[in-house]
Amino acid sequence: MILITMPTPDVTITKQQDPQLSHIYGFTDFHLITRERGGIFMFYNAKNELLFIGKARKLRPRIKKHFEDTVSPMKNHRDEVTKIEVYTVEDPVEREIYETYIVNKFKAKYNVEKVLYK
């Protein structure tokens, strides 16, 4: 059996109720997320349910893209996201393993690829 342990998030940002600064769907702290490093990210709702997990070679641009583009699996669910956890994982193979494991272990609601349960 393979044992996979979750790392501790490097950054957690939460949605602001009444943001005073420039924001994207209530999030104002994207600057805390590394722009140049790779890793995985997880979107949660207000009930702390995992909505989506993704991976990226460059975290901040990829996360922001989920809130901006029209092809993201999150495009119709952006308002549900209240917390984003970011984990720096430089190795692309490790990112792939974490993503597949988390999608299936925690049954991420809006991930459609790599789903082994039904």
N, C-alpha and C. Protein backbone atom coordinates (compact mmCIF):
# COMPACT_ATOMS: atom_id res chain seq x y z
N MET A 1 0.84 -1.18 0.00
CA MET A 1 0.00 0.00 0.00
C MET A 1 0.88 1.24 0.00
N ILE A 2 0.43 2.26 -0.70
CA ILE A 2 1.14 3.53 -0.77
C ILE A 2 0.50 4.48 0.23
N LEU A 3 1.33 5.14 1.01
CA LEU A 3 0.84 6.11 1.99
C LEU A 3 1.16 7.51 1.49
N ILE A 4 0.15 8.31 1.27
CA ILE A 4 0.33 9.68 0.82
C ILE A 4 -0.12 10.59 1.95
N THR A 5 0.76 11.47 2.38
CA THR A 5 0.42 12.41 3.44
C THR A 5 0.30 13.81 2.85
N MET A 6 -0.71 14.51 3.28
CA MET A 6 -0.95 15.86 2.79
C MET A 6 0.05 16.83 3.41
N PRO A 7 0.65 17.67 2.59
CA PRO A 7 1.52 18.70 3.17
C PRO A 7 0.67 19.78 3.84
N THR A 8 1.32 20.64 4.56
CA THR A 8 0.65 21.78 5.17
C THR A 8 0.57 22.88 4.12
N PRO A 9 -0.57 23.58 4.04
CA PRO A 9 -0.67 24.65 3.03
C PRO A 9 0.38 25.73 3.28
N ASP A 10 0.97 26.21 2.19
CA ASP A 10 1.93 27.32 2.28
C ASP A 10 1.20 28.65 2.42
N VAL A 11 0.04 28.75 1.78
CA VAL A 11 -0.76 29.97 1.82
C VAL A 11 -2.24 29.58 1.84
N THR A 12 -3.01 30.27 2.65
CA THR A 12 -4.47 30.13 2.65
C THR A 12 -5.04 31.53 2.54
N ILE A 13 -5.88 31.73 1.52
CA ILE A 13 -6.54 33.03 1.41
C ILE A 13 -8.05 32.81 1.48
N THR A 14 -8.73 33.78 2.07
CA THR A 14 -10.17 33.66 2.24
C THR A 14 -10.88 34.84 1.59
N LYS A 15 -12.11 34.58 1.22
CA LYS A 15 -12.94 35.59 0.58
C LYS A 15 -13.31 36.65 1.60
N GLN A 16 -13.25 37.90 1.20
CA GLN A 16 -13.63 39.02 2.05
C GLN A 16 -15.11 39.31 1.87
N GLN A 17 -15.82 39.61 2.93
CA GLN A 17 -17.25 39.88 2.85
C GLN A 17 -17.55 41.19 2.12
N ASP A 18 -16.80 42.22 2.45
CA ASP A 18 -17.00 43.53 1.83
C ASP A 18 -15.62 44.11 1.50
N PRO A 19 -14.97 43.60 0.45
CA PRO A 19 -13.60 44.02 0.16
C PRO A 19 -13.50 45.51 -0.18
N GLN A 20 -12.54 46.17 0.44
CA GLN A 20 -12.31 47.59 0.20
C GLN A 20 -11.29 47.79 -0.92
N LEU A 21 -10.47 46.78 -1.14
CA LEU A 21 -9.44 46.86 -2.17
C LEU A 21 -9.94 46.20 -3.45
N SER A 22 -9.17 46.35 -4.49
CA SER A 22 -9.47 45.67 -5.74
C SER A 22 -9.55 44.18 -5.47
N HIS A 23 -10.53 43.50 -6.06
CA HIS A 23 -10.72 42.09 -5.74
C HIS A 23 -11.23 41.31 -6.94
N ILE A 24 -11.04 40.01 -6.87
CA ILE A 24 -11.59 39.08 -7.84
C ILE A 24 -12.49 38.13 -7.05
N TYR A 25 -13.78 38.22 -7.26
CA TYR A 25 -14.77 37.40 -6.55
C TYR A 25 -14.58 37.45 -5.03
N GLY A 26 -14.18 38.59 -4.52
CA GLY A 26 -14.03 38.78 -3.08
C GLY A 26 -12.65 38.45 -2.54
N PHE A 27 -11.76 37.94 -3.37
CA PHE A 27 -10.39 37.61 -2.92
C PHE A 27 -9.47 38.79 -3.22
N THR A 28 -8.75 39.25 -2.19
CA THR A 28 -7.86 40.39 -2.34
C THR A 28 -6.39 40.03 -2.13
N ASP A 29 -6.11 38.81 -1.71
CA ASP A 29 -4.75 38.45 -1.29
C ASP A 29 -4.00 37.55 -2.28
N PHE A 30 -4.31 37.65 -3.57
CA PHE A 30 -3.60 36.83 -4.54
C PHE A 30 -2.09 37.09 -4.52
N HIS A 31 -1.69 38.30 -4.09
CA HIS A 31 -0.26 38.63 -4.03
C HIS A 31 0.52 37.72 -3.07
N LEU A 32 -0.17 37.05 -2.16
CA LEU A 32 0.50 36.14 -1.23
C LEU A 32 0.89 34.81 -1.88
N ILE A 33 0.30 34.51 -3.02
CA ILE A 33 0.56 33.26 -3.73
C ILE A 33 1.75 33.46 -4.66
N THR A 34 2.69 32.52 -4.61
CA THR A 34 3.87 32.62 -5.45
C THR A 34 3.50 32.67 -6.92
N ARG A 35 4.21 33.49 -7.65
CA ARG A 35 3.96 33.64 -9.08
C ARG A 35 4.83 32.68 -9.88
N GLU A 36 5.99 32.33 -9.36
CA GLU A 36 6.98 31.59 -10.13
C GLU A 36 7.10 30.10 -9.79
N ARG A 37 6.50 29.65 -8.72
CA ARG A 37 6.68 28.26 -8.32
C ARG A 37 5.45 27.43 -8.63
N GLY A 38 5.66 26.12 -8.73
CA GLY A 38 4.57 25.20 -9.03
C GLY A 38 3.99 24.59 -7.78
N GLY A 39 2.83 23.96 -7.95
CA GLY A 39 2.20 23.30 -6.81
C GLY A 39 0.79 22.89 -7.11
N ILE A 40 0.04 22.70 -6.04
CA ILE A 40 -1.37 22.35 -6.15
C ILE A 40 -2.18 23.40 -5.38
N PHE A 41 -3.45 23.51 -5.74
CA PHE A 41 -4.34 24.44 -5.06
C PHE A 41 -5.70 23.79 -4.89
N MET A 42 -6.39 24.19 -3.83
CA MET A 42 -7.70 23.62 -3.55
C MET A 42 -8.68 24.74 -3.22
N PHE A 43 -9.86 24.67 -3.84
CA PHE A 43 -10.94 25.62 -3.59
C PHE A 43 -11.96 24.96 -2.67
N TYR A 44 -12.37 25.71 -1.63
CA TYR A 44 -13.37 25.23 -0.67
C TYR A 44 -14.56 26.17 -0.62
N ASN A 45 -15.72 25.65 -0.20
CA ASN A 45 -16.89 26.49 0.00
C ASN A 45 -17.02 26.86 1.47
N ALA A 46 -18.11 27.54 1.82
CA ALA A 46 -18.32 28.01 3.20
C ALA A 46 -18.47 26.87 4.20
N LYS A 47 -18.87 25.69 3.72
CA LYS A 47 -19.00 24.52 4.60
C LYS A 47 -17.70 23.72 4.69
N ASN A 48 -16.63 24.28 4.14
CA ASN A 48 -15.31 23.64 4.10
C ASN A 48 -15.31 22.35 3.27
N GLU A 49 -16.20 22.27 2.27
CA GLU A 49 -16.23 21.14 1.36
C GLU A 49 -15.30 21.43 0.19
N LEU A 50 -14.55 20.44 -0.22
CA LEU A 50 -13.62 20.61 -1.33
C LEU A 50 -14.40 20.70 -2.63
N LEU A 51 -14.25 21.82 -3.32
CA LEU A 51 -14.94 22.02 -4.58
C LEU A 51 -14.09 21.61 -5.77
N PHE A 52 -12.80 21.95 -5.71
CA PHE A 52 -11.94 21.72 -6.87
C PHE A 52 -10.49 21.68 -6.42
N ILE A 53 -9.71 20.82 -7.07
CA ILE A 53 -8.26 20.81 -6.87
C ILE A 53 -7.62 20.90 -8.24
N GLY A 54 -6.54 21.64 -8.30
CA GLY A 54 -5.80 21.75 -9.55
C GLY A 54 -4.31 21.81 -9.27
N LYS A 55 -3.55 21.72 -10.35
CA LYS A 55 -2.09 21.81 -10.24
C LYS A 55 -1.60 22.81 -11.26
N ALA A 56 -0.39 23.33 -11.05
CA ALA A 56 0.13 24.33 -11.97
C ALA A 56 1.65 24.43 -11.86
N ARG A 57 2.26 24.79 -12.98
CA ARG A 57 3.71 25.08 -12.96
C ARG A 57 3.97 26.44 -12.34
N LYS A 58 3.02 27.36 -12.53
CA LYS A 58 3.09 28.69 -11.93
C LYS A 58 1.74 28.94 -11.27
N LEU A 59 1.73 28.97 -9.96
CA LEU A 59 0.48 28.93 -9.20
C LEU A 59 -0.43 30.15 -9.36
N ARG A 60 0.08 31.35 -9.09
CA ARG A 60 -0.81 32.51 -9.07
C ARG A 60 -1.53 32.73 -10.41
N PRO A 61 -0.82 32.71 -11.55
CA PRO A 61 -1.56 32.92 -12.80
C PRO A 61 -2.60 31.84 -13.06
N ARG A 62 -2.32 30.61 -12.70
CA ARG A 62 -3.27 29.52 -12.95
C ARG A 62 -4.52 29.65 -12.08
N ILE A 63 -4.32 30.00 -10.81
CA ILE A 63 -5.46 30.16 -9.90
C ILE A 63 -6.34 31.32 -10.37
N LYS A 64 -5.72 32.44 -10.72
CA LYS A 64 -6.49 33.59 -11.17
C LYS A 64 -7.26 33.27 -12.45
N LYS A 65 -6.68 32.43 -13.30
CA LYS A 65 -7.32 32.07 -14.55
C LYS A 65 -8.66 31.35 -14.31
N HIS A 66 -8.74 30.59 -13.22
CA HIS A 66 -10.00 29.91 -12.89
C HIS A 66 -11.12 30.91 -12.61
N PHE A 67 -10.77 32.12 -12.22
CA PHE A 67 -11.77 33.14 -11.93
C PHE A 67 -12.04 34.05 -13.13
N GLU A 68 -11.28 33.85 -14.21
CA GLU A 68 -11.40 34.76 -15.35
C GLU A 68 -11.83 34.10 -16.65
N ASP A 69 -11.36 32.89 -16.95
CA ASP A 69 -11.63 32.34 -18.28
C ASP A 69 -12.99 31.65 -18.38
N THR A 70 -13.39 31.38 -19.60
CA THR A 70 -14.72 30.84 -19.85
C THR A 70 -14.74 29.32 -19.97
N VAL A 71 -13.58 28.68 -19.88
CA VAL A 71 -13.54 27.23 -20.02
C VAL A 71 -13.22 26.50 -18.72
N SER A 72 -13.01 27.24 -17.66
CA SER A 72 -12.72 26.63 -16.37
C SER A 72 -13.90 25.81 -15.88
N PRO A 73 -13.64 24.63 -15.29
CA PRO A 73 -14.75 23.86 -14.70
C PRO A 73 -15.43 24.63 -13.56
N MET A 74 -14.79 25.67 -13.08
CA MET A 74 -15.34 26.47 -11.99
C MET A 74 -16.15 27.67 -12.47
N LYS A 75 -16.27 27.87 -13.78
CA LYS A 75 -16.88 29.09 -14.31
C LYS A 75 -18.28 29.39 -13.77
N ASN A 76 -19.06 28.36 -13.50
CA ASN A 76 -20.42 28.56 -12.98
C ASN A 76 -20.49 28.47 -11.46
N HIS A 77 -19.35 28.28 -10.81
CA HIS A 77 -19.34 28.04 -9.37
C HIS A 77 -18.37 28.97 -8.63
N ARG A 78 -17.91 30.00 -9.28
CA ARG A 78 -16.91 30.90 -8.68
C ARG A 78 -17.39 31.56 -7.40
N ASP A 79 -18.67 31.88 -7.34
CA ASP A 79 -19.20 32.54 -6.15
C ASP A 79 -19.23 31.62 -4.93
N GLU A 80 -19.17 30.31 -5.15
CA GLU A 80 -19.16 29.34 -4.05
C GLU A 80 -17.84 29.32 -3.29
N VAL A 81 -16.76 29.67 -3.96
CA VAL A 81 -15.42 29.56 -3.38
C VAL A 81 -15.25 30.60 -2.28
N THR A 82 -14.91 30.13 -1.07
CA THR A 82 -14.68 31.04 0.05
C THR A 82 -13.27 30.92 0.62
N LYS A 83 -12.56 29.84 0.23
CA LYS A 83 -11.20 29.65 0.73
C LYS A 83 -10.37 28.97 -0.35
N ILE A 84 -9.13 29.41 -0.47
CA ILE A 84 -8.18 28.80 -1.40
C ILE A 84 -6.94 28.41 -0.60
N GLU A 85 -6.57 27.13 -0.67
CA GLU A 85 -5.33 26.66 -0.05
C GLU A 85 -4.33 26.38 -1.16
N VAL A 86 -3.08 26.80 -0.92
CA VAL A 86 -2.03 26.65 -1.92
C VAL A 86 -0.86 25.89 -1.30
N TYR A 87 -0.39 24.88 -2.02
CA TYR A 87 0.72 24.04 -1.58
C TYR A 87 1.80 24.10 -2.65
N THR A 88 3.01 24.46 -2.26
CA THR A 88 4.12 24.48 -3.21
C THR A 88 4.65 23.06 -3.35
N VAL A 89 4.63 22.55 -4.58
CA VAL A 89 5.14 21.22 -4.91
C VAL A 89 5.85 21.36 -6.25
N GLU A 90 7.16 21.42 -6.23
CA GLU A 90 7.91 21.69 -7.45
C GLU A 90 7.93 20.52 -8.43
N ASP A 91 7.98 19.31 -7.94
CA ASP A 91 8.11 18.14 -8.81
C ASP A 91 6.79 17.88 -9.55
N PRO A 92 6.80 17.88 -10.90
CA PRO A 92 5.56 17.67 -11.65
C PRO A 92 4.92 16.30 -11.42
N VAL A 93 5.73 15.28 -11.17
CA VAL A 93 5.18 13.95 -10.90
C VAL A 93 4.46 13.95 -9.56
N GLU A 94 5.03 14.60 -8.56
CA GLU A 94 4.38 14.70 -7.25
C GLU A 94 3.08 15.49 -7.35
N ARG A 95 3.07 16.56 -8.14
CA ARG A 95 1.83 17.34 -8.33
C ARG A 95 0.73 16.46 -8.92
N GLU A 96 1.09 15.67 -9.90
CA GLU A 96 0.13 14.77 -10.55
C GLU A 96 -0.43 13.75 -9.56
N ILE A 97 0.46 13.19 -8.75
CA ILE A 97 0.04 12.20 -7.75
C ILE A 97 -0.90 12.83 -6.72
N TYR A 98 -0.51 13.99 -6.18
CA TYR A 98 -1.36 14.67 -5.20
C TYR A 98 -2.73 15.00 -5.79
N GLU A 99 -2.75 15.53 -7.00
CA GLU A 99 -4.03 15.91 -7.60
C GLU A 99 -4.95 14.70 -7.75
N THR A 100 -4.44 13.62 -8.32
CA THR A 100 -5.25 12.42 -8.53
C THR A 100 -5.71 11.84 -7.19
N TYR A 101 -4.81 11.79 -6.23
CA TYR A 101 -5.15 11.26 -4.91
C TYR A 101 -6.25 12.09 -4.25
N ILE A 102 -6.09 13.41 -4.24
CA ILE A 102 -7.03 14.28 -3.54
C ILE A 102 -8.40 14.28 -4.22
N VAL A 103 -8.40 14.30 -5.56
CA VAL A 103 -9.68 14.26 -6.29
C VAL A 103 -10.49 13.06 -5.84
N ASN A 104 -9.84 11.92 -5.70
CA ASN A 104 -10.55 10.69 -5.39
C ASN A 104 -10.75 10.46 -3.89
N LYS A 105 -9.79 10.81 -3.08
CA LYS A 105 -9.90 10.62 -1.64
C LYS A 105 -10.96 11.53 -1.03
N PHE A 106 -10.95 12.80 -1.44
CA PHE A 106 -11.84 13.79 -0.85
C PHE A 106 -13.02 14.14 -1.76
N LYS A 107 -13.13 13.45 -2.89
CA LYS A 107 -14.25 13.59 -3.83
C LYS A 107 -14.55 15.06 -4.16
N ALA A 108 -13.55 15.71 -4.74
CA ALA A 108 -13.70 17.11 -5.13
C ALA A 108 -14.91 17.27 -6.05
N LYS A 109 -15.80 18.15 -5.69
CA LYS A 109 -17.11 18.26 -6.31
C LYS A 109 -17.09 18.59 -7.80
N TYR A 110 -16.18 19.47 -8.24
CA TYR A 110 -16.20 19.92 -9.62
C TYR A 110 -15.05 19.42 -10.48
N ASN A 111 -14.25 18.52 -9.96
CA ASN A 111 -13.23 17.88 -10.80
C ASN A 111 -13.92 16.80 -11.62
N VAL A 112 -13.70 16.82 -12.91
CA VAL A 112 -14.33 15.81 -13.77
C VAL A 112 -13.31 14.83 -14.34
N GLU A 113 -12.07 15.26 -14.43
CA GLU A 113 -11.02 14.37 -14.92
C GLU A 113 -10.37 13.66 -13.74
N LYS A 114 -9.79 12.53 -13.99
CA LYS A 114 -9.07 11.73 -13.01
C LYS A 114 -9.95 11.14 -11.91
N VAL A 115 -11.24 11.13 -12.12
CA VAL A 115 -12.17 10.59 -11.13
C VAL A 115 -12.22 9.08 -11.29
N LEU A 116 -11.88 8.36 -10.22
CA LEU A 116 -11.89 6.91 -10.23
C LEU A 116 -13.10 6.35 -9.49
N TYR A 117 -13.83 7.18 -8.79
CA TYR A 117 -15.03 6.74 -8.06
C TYR A 117 -16.27 7.17 -8.85
N LYS A 118 -17.32 6.49 -8.69
CA LYS A 118 -18.61 6.86 -9.30
C LYS A 118 -19.72 6.16 -8.57
